[in-house]
Protein backbone atom coordinates (compact mmCIF):
# COMPACT_ATOMS: atom_id res chain seq x y z
CA UNK A 1 -21.31 -11.49 -38.90
CA UNK A 2 -18.75 -10.79 -35.98
CA UNK A 3 -19.52 -12.71 -32.74
CA UNK A 4 -20.07 -10.83 -29.64
CA UNK A 5 -17.35 -12.03 -27.52
CA UNK A 6 -17.55 -14.29 -24.26
CA UNK A 7 -16.96 -12.70 -21.41
CA UNK A 8 -14.06 -13.81 -19.61
CA UNK A 9 -14.01 -16.32 -17.01
CA UNK A 10 -12.32 -16.41 -12.99
CA UNK A 11 -9.73 -18.67 -14.22
CA UNK A 12 -8.91 -16.60 -17.17
CA UNK A 13 -8.47 -13.63 -14.73
CA UNK A 14 -6.89 -14.70 -12.53
CA UNK A 15 -4.28 -17.03 -14.57
CA UNK A 16 -3.14 -13.66 -16.96
CA UNK A 17 -2.54 -11.50 -13.20
CA UNK A 18 -0.97 -14.23 -11.42
CA UNK A 19 1.60 -14.55 -14.73
CA UNK A 20 1.86 -10.77 -15.12
CA UNK A 21 2.53 -10.48 -11.76
CA UNK A 22 5.21 -13.94 -11.59
CA UNK A 23 6.54 -12.43 -14.97
CA UNK A 24 8.00 -9.06 -13.06
CA UNK A 25 9.09 -10.22 -10.02
CA UNK A 26 11.00 -12.60 -11.54
CA UNK A 27 12.71 -9.93 -14.26
CA UNK A 28 13.93 -7.95 -11.16
CA UNK A 29 15.46 -10.62 -9.17
CA UNK A 30 18.90 -10.00 -10.27
CA UNK A 31 18.69 -6.24 -10.17
CA UNK A 32 17.93 -6.33 -6.65
CA UNK A 33 21.41 -8.73 -6.10
CA UNK A 34 23.32 -6.19 -7.74
CA UNK A 35 22.16 -3.43 -5.92
CA UNK A 36 22.67 -0.73 -8.61
CA UNK A 37 19.25 1.33 -8.09
CA UNK A 38 16.73 1.29 -5.20
CA UNK A 39 13.88 1.59 -7.60
CA UNK A 40 14.92 -1.83 -8.92
CA UNK A 41 13.74 -3.35 -5.33
CA UNK A 42 10.78 -1.20 -5.14
CA UNK A 43 9.61 -2.64 -8.11
CA UNK A 44 10.15 -6.28 -7.34
CA UNK A 45 8.08 -5.38 -3.99
CA UNK A 46 4.87 -4.05 -5.89
CA UNK A 47 4.94 -6.77 -7.74
CA UNK A 48 5.41 -9.00 -4.88
CA UNK A 49 2.44 -6.88 -3.86
CA UNK A 50 0.32 -6.85 -6.23
CA UNK A 51 0.90 -10.80 -7.15
CA UNK A 52 -0.32 -11.37 -3.42
CA UNK A 53 -3.60 -9.34 -4.31
CA UNK A 54 -3.93 -11.37 -7.15
CA UNK A 55 -3.81 -14.78 -4.92
CA UNK A 56 -6.33 -12.90 -2.33
CA UNK A 57 -8.87 -11.81 -4.64
CA UNK A 58 -8.89 -15.09 -6.45
CA UNK A 59 -8.33 -17.64 -3.98
CA UNK A 60 -11.48 -18.90 -4.14
CA UNK A 61 -11.01 -19.96 -7.46
CA UNK A 62 -7.75 -20.96 -7.48
CA UNK A 63 -5.69 -24.20 -6.38
CA UNK A 64 -2.19 -22.88 -5.65
CA UNK A 65 0.86 -25.05 -4.49
CA UNK A 66 1.73 -24.51 -0.57
CA UNK A 67 5.18 -23.33 -1.46
CA UNK A 68 3.34 -20.78 -3.46
CA UNK A 69 0.04 -19.73 -1.35
CA UNK A 70 -1.02 -15.93 -0.06
CA UNK A 71 1.47 -16.20 4.21
CA UNK A 72 4.63 -17.68 1.38
CA UNK A 73 4.39 -14.04 -1.03
CA UNK A 74 3.13 -12.28 1.93
CA UNK A 75 6.75 -13.54 4.60
CA UNK A 76 8.68 -12.19 1.21
CA UNK A 77 7.50 -9.13 0.61
CA UNK A 78 8.48 -8.48 4.61
CA UNK A 79 11.18 -8.95 4.00
CA UNK A 80 11.95 -7.49 0.98
CA UNK A 81 10.11 -4.26 2.87
CA UNK A 82 12.13 -4.00 5.83
CA UNK A 83 14.87 -2.90 2.88
CA UNK A 84 12.78 -1.05 1.60
CA UNK A 85 11.79 1.16 4.77
CA UNK A 86 15.61 1.98 5.07
CA UNK A 87 16.02 3.56 1.64
CA UNK A 88 12.51 5.32 2.20
CA UNK A 89 14.02 6.60 5.07
CA UNK A 90 17.19 8.13 3.43
CA UNK A 91 15.77 9.56 1.06
CA UNK A 92 13.31 11.17 2.41
CA UNK A 93 16.08 12.06 5.19
CA UNK A 94 18.71 13.04 2.66
CA UNK A 95 16.75 14.51 -0.42
CA UNK A 96 13.29 16.32 1.31
CA UNK A 97 14.86 17.45 4.51
CA UNK A 98 18.20 17.69 4.83
CA UNK A 99 18.59 21.30 2.28
CA UNK A 100 16.73 23.52 4.33
CA UNK A 101 18.75 22.00 7.67
CA UNK A 102 21.47 25.10 8.46
CA UNK A 103 25.05 23.68 8.95
CA UNK A 104 25.28 21.88 12.36
CA UNK A 105 22.04 19.97 12.42
CA UNK A 106 23.39 18.92 8.78
CA UNK A 107 26.09 17.29 10.11
CA UNK A 108 24.10 16.16 13.07
CA UNK A 109 22.19 14.16 10.31
CA UNK A 110 25.04 12.78 8.80
CA UNK A 111 25.50 10.62 12.39
CA UNK A 112 22.39 8.90 11.12
CA UNK A 113 22.86 8.49 7.94
CA UNK A 114 25.80 7.58 8.47
CA UNK A 115 24.37 4.61 10.94
CA UNK A 116 21.29 4.23 8.55
CA UNK A 117 23.72 3.30 6.08
CA UNK A 118 25.66 -0.12 8.66
CA UNK A 119 21.03 -1.24 9.56
CA UNK A 120 21.06 -0.99 5.09
CA UNK A 121 24.10 -2.33 4.80
CA UNK A 122 22.78 -6.14 7.33
CA UNK A 123 19.11 -6.11 6.35
CA UNK A 124 20.91 -6.40 2.91
CA UNK A 125 22.56 -9.24 3.51
CA UNK A 126 19.55 -10.67 4.67
CA UNK A 127 17.73 -10.08 1.50
CA UNK A 128 20.33 -11.87 -0.47
CA UNK A 129 20.22 -14.69 1.47
CA UNK A 130 16.16 -14.22 0.91
CA UNK A 131 16.36 -13.88 -2.86
CA UNK A 132 19.47 -17.12 -3.45
CA UNK A 133 18.10 -19.29 -1.04
CA UNK A 134 15.75 -22.20 -1.04
CA UNK A 135 12.41 -20.70 0.31
CA UNK A 136 12.05 -18.24 -2.60
CA UNK A 137 13.14 -20.72 -5.65
CA UNK A 138 10.19 -22.52 -3.88
CA UNK A 139 7.75 -20.08 -4.00
CA UNK A 140 9.05 -18.90 -7.67
CA UNK A 141 9.08 -22.66 -9.14
CA UNK A 142 5.93 -23.83 -7.83
CA UNK A 143 4.51 -21.32 -9.17
CA UNK A 144 6.31 -21.34 -12.06
CA UNK A 145 4.90 -24.11 -12.72
CA UNK A 146 0.54 -23.20 -11.60
CA UNK A 147 1.67 -20.91 -14.59
CA UNK A 148 2.26 -23.95 -17.06
CA UNK A 149 -0.23 -25.69 -15.72
CA UNK A 150 -2.60 -24.28 -13.20
CA UNK A 151 -5.49 -25.81 -11.30
CA UNK A 152 -8.51 -24.30 -10.31
CA UNK A 153 -11.77 -24.69 -8.03
CA UNK A 154 -15.43 -25.29 -9.55
CA UNK A 155 -16.24 -21.69 -9.96
CA UNK A 156 -12.88 -20.78 -11.94
CA UNK A 157 -15.18 -21.62 -14.76
CA UNK A 158 -18.07 -18.60 -13.91
CA UNK A 159 -18.15 -15.37 -15.99
CA UNK A 160 -16.01 -12.95 -14.16
CA UNK A 161 -18.88 -10.76 -14.12
CA UNK A 162 -21.28 -13.13 -11.46
CA UNK A 163 -18.09 -14.11 -9.52
CA UNK A 164 -16.18 -10.66 -9.42
CA UNK A 165 -18.73 -8.72 -6.89
CA UNK A 166 -18.41 -11.26 -4.89
CA UNK A 167 -14.91 -11.86 -4.08
CA UNK A 168 -13.67 -8.30 -3.65
CA UNK A 169 -17.02 -6.70 -1.74
CA UNK A 170 -15.45 -8.31 1.08
CA UNK A 171 -12.74 -6.75 0.90
CA UNK A 172 -13.55 -3.58 0.66
CA UNK A 173 -16.19 -4.03 3.37
CA UNK A 174 -13.18 -4.86 6.27
CA UNK A 175 -11.67 -1.35 4.81
CA UNK A 176 -15.29 -0.17 6.27
CA UNK A 177 -15.18 -2.29 8.60
CA UNK A 178 -11.62 -0.68 10.00
CA UNK A 179 -11.59 1.50 13.65
CA UNK A 180 -8.63 3.21 11.88
CA UNK A 181 -12.17 5.82 10.37
CA UNK A 182 -13.18 6.58 13.42
CA UNK A 183 -9.89 8.40 14.34
CA UNK A 184 -10.21 11.90 15.27
CA UNK A 185 -13.78 11.86 15.15
CA UNK A 186 -16.48 13.08 17.13
CA UNK A 187 -20.73 11.82 17.29
CA UNK A 188 -23.46 13.94 16.41
CA UNK A 189 -26.82 13.80 16.18
CA UNK A 190 -26.72 12.56 12.81
CA UNK A 191 -23.13 9.98 13.22
CA UNK A 192 -20.34 10.14 13.13
CA UNK A 193 -18.46 13.16 11.90
CA UNK A 194 -14.73 14.60 11.27
CA UNK A 195 -13.52 16.99 14.36
CA UNK A 196 -11.70 19.69 13.07
CA UNK A 197 -10.94 21.64 16.04
CA UNK A 198 -8.04 19.67 17.18
CA UNK A 199 -5.11 21.27 18.78
CA UNK A 200 -1.82 20.25 16.84
CA UNK A 201 -0.75 19.51 20.52
CA UNK A 202 -3.85 17.16 20.99
CA UNK A 203 -3.38 16.14 16.96
CA UNK A 204 -0.10 14.95 17.78
CA UNK A 205 -1.02 12.90 20.83
CA UNK A 206 -4.01 11.41 18.51
CA UNK A 207 -0.96 10.04 16.24
CA UNK A 208 0.89 9.06 19.11
CA UNK A 209 -1.76 7.19 20.00
CA UNK A 210 -3.62 5.47 17.31
CA UNK A 211 -0.11 5.66 15.18
CA UNK A 212 -0.56 2.13 14.77
CA UNK A 213 -4.34 1.91 13.81
CA UNK A 214 -3.59 4.58 11.11
CA UNK A 215 -1.11 3.00 9.87
CA UNK A 216 -3.33 -0.64 9.55
CA UNK A 217 -5.80 1.78 8.05
CA UNK A 218 -2.87 2.70 5.71
CA UNK A 219 -2.06 -1.31 4.68
CA UNK A 220 -5.20 -2.13 4.44
CA UNK A 221 -6.26 1.26 1.91
CA UNK A 222 -3.83 -0.77 0.19
CA UNK A 223 -4.32 -3.69 -0.70
CA UNK A 224 -8.14 -1.94 -1.94
CA UNK A 225 -6.30 0.38 -4.30
CA UNK A 226 -5.04 -3.41 -4.82
CA UNK A 227 -7.72 -4.77 -5.29
CA UNK A 228 -9.64 -2.31 -7.17
CA UNK A 229 -7.64 -1.96 -9.94
CA UNK A 230 -6.79 -5.68 -10.61
CA UNK A 231 -10.75 -5.47 -11.29
CA UNK A 232 -10.70 -1.87 -13.33
CA UNK A 233 -10.64 -3.24 -16.63
CA UNK A 234 -14.27 -5.14 -16.20
CA UNK A 235 -15.53 -1.69 -14.91
CA UNK A 236 -14.57 0.27 -17.53
CA UNK A 237 -14.18 4.53 -15.39
CA UNK A 238 -16.38 2.71 -13.12
CA UNK A 239 -14.03 2.88 -10.18
CA UNK A 240 -11.14 5.55 -11.69
CA UNK A 241 -11.98 8.54 -8.77
CA UNK A 242 -11.85 5.55 -5.84
CA UNK A 243 -8.87 4.31 -6.81
CA UNK A 244 -6.76 7.73 -7.55
CA UNK A 245 -8.67 8.96 -4.09
CA UNK A 246 -7.98 5.54 -1.82
CA UNK A 247 -4.01 6.49 -3.61
CA UNK A 248 -3.96 10.69 -1.72
CA UNK A 249 -5.63 8.67 0.49
CA UNK A 250 -2.84 6.28 0.92
CA UNK A 251 0.07 8.53 0.77
CA UNK A 252 -1.63 10.76 3.25
CA UNK A 253 -0.91 8.59 6.08
CA UNK A 254 1.43 7.58 4.71
CA UNK A 255 2.48 11.33 5.46
CA UNK A 256 1.52 10.98 9.42
CA UNK A 257 3.32 8.24 9.33
CA UNK A 258 6.77 8.75 8.57
CA UNK A 259 6.97 11.91 10.35
CA UNK A 260 6.12 9.71 14.13
CA UNK A 261 8.47 6.96 12.15
CA UNK A 262 11.61 9.54 11.70
CA UNK A 263 11.20 11.05 14.96
CA UNK A 264 12.10 7.42 16.39
CA UNK A 265 14.57 6.87 14.68
CA UNK A 266 16.15 9.99 14.66
CA UNK A 267 15.90 9.44 18.73
CA UNK A 268 16.71 6.04 19.18
CA UNK A 269 20.11 7.49 17.63
CA UNK A 270 20.79 10.60 19.34
CA UNK A 271 20.51 11.88 22.57
CA UNK A 272 18.25 14.91 23.03
CA UNK A 273 17.63 14.87 19.77
CA UNK A 274 14.62 17.45 19.06
CA UNK A 275 17.48 20.16 21.27
CA UNK A 276 20.06 19.28 18.23
CA UNK A 277 17.95 19.33 15.19
CA UNK A 278 15.24 21.49 16.40
CA UNK A 279 14.52 22.58 12.54
CA UNK A 280 14.20 18.89 11.64
CA UNK A 281 11.69 18.01 14.05
CA UNK A 282 9.73 21.86 12.64
CA UNK A 283 10.16 20.57 10.12
CA UNK A 284 8.36 16.84 10.05
CA UNK A 285 5.65 18.72 12.81
CA UNK A 286 4.92 21.12 9.86
CA UNK A 287 4.15 17.78 7.61
CA UNK A 288 2.62 15.91 9.95
CA UNK A 289 -0.15 18.78 10.69
CA UNK A 290 -0.79 19.49 6.71
CA UNK A 291 -1.16 15.89 6.18
CA UNK A 292 -3.56 15.58 9.09
CA UNK A 293 -5.32 18.43 7.89
CA UNK A 294 -5.65 16.33 3.83
CA UNK A 295 -6.26 12.84 5.96
CA UNK A 296 -9.12 14.60 7.61
CA UNK A 297 -10.55 15.09 4.19
CA UNK A 298 -10.16 12.37 3.14
CA UNK A 299 -11.60 10.83 5.81
CA UNK A 300 -15.17 12.99 5.36
CA UNK A 301 -15.49 11.62 2.07
CA UNK A 302 -15.42 8.07 2.95
CA UNK A 303 -17.82 7.98 6.37
CA UNK A 304 -20.57 9.29 4.33
CA UNK A 305 -22.29 6.71 4.05
CA UNK A 306 -23.46 8.15 0.03
CA UNK A 307 -20.14 7.61 -0.72
CA UNK A 308 -20.10 3.50 0.25
CA UNK A 309 -22.33 2.81 -0.99
CA UNK A 310 -22.00 4.36 -4.37
CA UNK A 311 -18.55 1.78 -4.74
CA UNK A 312 -20.63 -0.78 -3.28
CA UNK A 313 -23.59 -0.72 -5.74
CA UNK A 314 -20.65 0.21 -8.25
CA UNK A 315 -18.63 -2.95 -7.82
CA UNK A 316 -22.07 -4.76 -8.89
CA UNK A 317 -22.73 -3.70 -11.73
CA UNK A 318 -20.01 -4.87 -14.02
CA UNK A 319 -19.66 -3.52 -17.19
CA UNK A 320 -22.41 -0.66 -16.89
CA UNK A 321 -21.89 2.58 -16.96
CA UNK A 322 -21.05 6.06 -14.89
CA UNK A 323 -24.03 7.74 -13.22
CA UNK A 324 -22.52 9.53 -10.57
CA UNK A 325 -19.22 10.10 -9.31
CA UNK A 326 -17.69 12.99 -7.98
CA UNK A 327 -15.47 15.04 -9.79
CA UNK A 328 -11.85 13.51 -10.89
CA UNK A 329 -9.84 14.19 -8.72
CA UNK A 330 -6.12 14.95 -9.49
CA UNK A 331 -4.19 12.99 -6.89
CA UNK A 332 -2.04 9.79 -9.40
CA UNK A 333 -1.37 7.16 -7.86
CA UNK A 334 2.54 6.96 -6.13
CA UNK A 335 3.56 3.43 -5.12
CA UNK A 336 7.32 4.39 -4.11
CA UNK A 337 6.02 6.60 -1.20
CA UNK A 338 6.24 5.43 2.73
CA UNK A 339 7.00 2.60 4.60
CA UNK A 340 5.53 -0.83 4.62
C-alpha cells in the first residue's frame, strides 16, 4: 500500500532554493567576466535577486554565516545592477527608438551612445574587480559551505504549510501599504479611486514629482513577485494570476521610469536635447502616457479591497483549490525589462 507523501518542511524548501540559485550565480560568473553577451549579466543578476528573495523569505528558519547574509547579496546585486542599467539604456535607445529617428537625430543619438559606451567600460572594470575580489569570494564560499552543512533555527523543522503563510504575508502587507498606490488617486465617498481625468501635462508633472515613489513601488512589486513564485508550488494554480499581473505591472512601472530616466540621461549629455531630438522625446512621451494608462488599470485592480483580501486568504490556505480567481491574463514574465 502506498504511503502518503510527507509535506515538505521549511528547512527542505530553504535549502533547495538557496542551493539552486547559488548554482545559477556560480554558473554565470565566468561568462560575465568574458563579457561576450549581456544576457549573461542579466541571468547572474536574476540569480542574485532570487537568492536574496529566498534568504528574505526563509530568514526566520535559517542561520547563515555573516558573509552570506542578505545585505552582502544585495551589495553585489547593486554593483551588477549599475552595469545592467547601462546595457538596458543602450539596447533601448538602439533597438526601440533609433530606427524611427530621422538622420539628423540619429547622428545626435550617436554622441549619446558613444558616451554610454565609455561609461559602460568603466563600470565593467568595477564589476570585474568585484567578481575577482575577496568580498565576492567570501560570499560564494560561505554560502557553498552552508549548503554543504546547513544551520537552521528551531522553526525550520515546521511543515511548510504551517510556516509559509506567516513568512510571506508580512511581505505582501508591505506592498499593500506602499505609498506608490496613492499616486494619481482621488478621494471619493467610498474611499480612494483612480483618477482617469488627469491631463497629459499633469501626468508628466505627477510622474516627474512622484517618480522615486513609483520606482520604489516597482522594486517592491518585483520582490513580492519573486516571493510568490518561490512558494507557488505549494499553492497549485492559486497564485498564477497574481504573479502574472505583478509581472505586467512591473513592466508598466518600468516603462514609466525608463522614459524619465532616458530623458534625464540624454539631457545631461546633449545641450538643449529637446530641440535637437524632438522625435525621440515625442516617442518617449508617447510611451510614458500609454504606460500611465496601463498603470492605472493595475492600480485600480489592487486598490480594490476584495482583490487584496483574496490574495491574503489564498496565502493562508496552502494546497486548497482555487475558488475565485479572475480570468487569467495574457501578461507574461519579463525579467529582463527596465532599469534596476
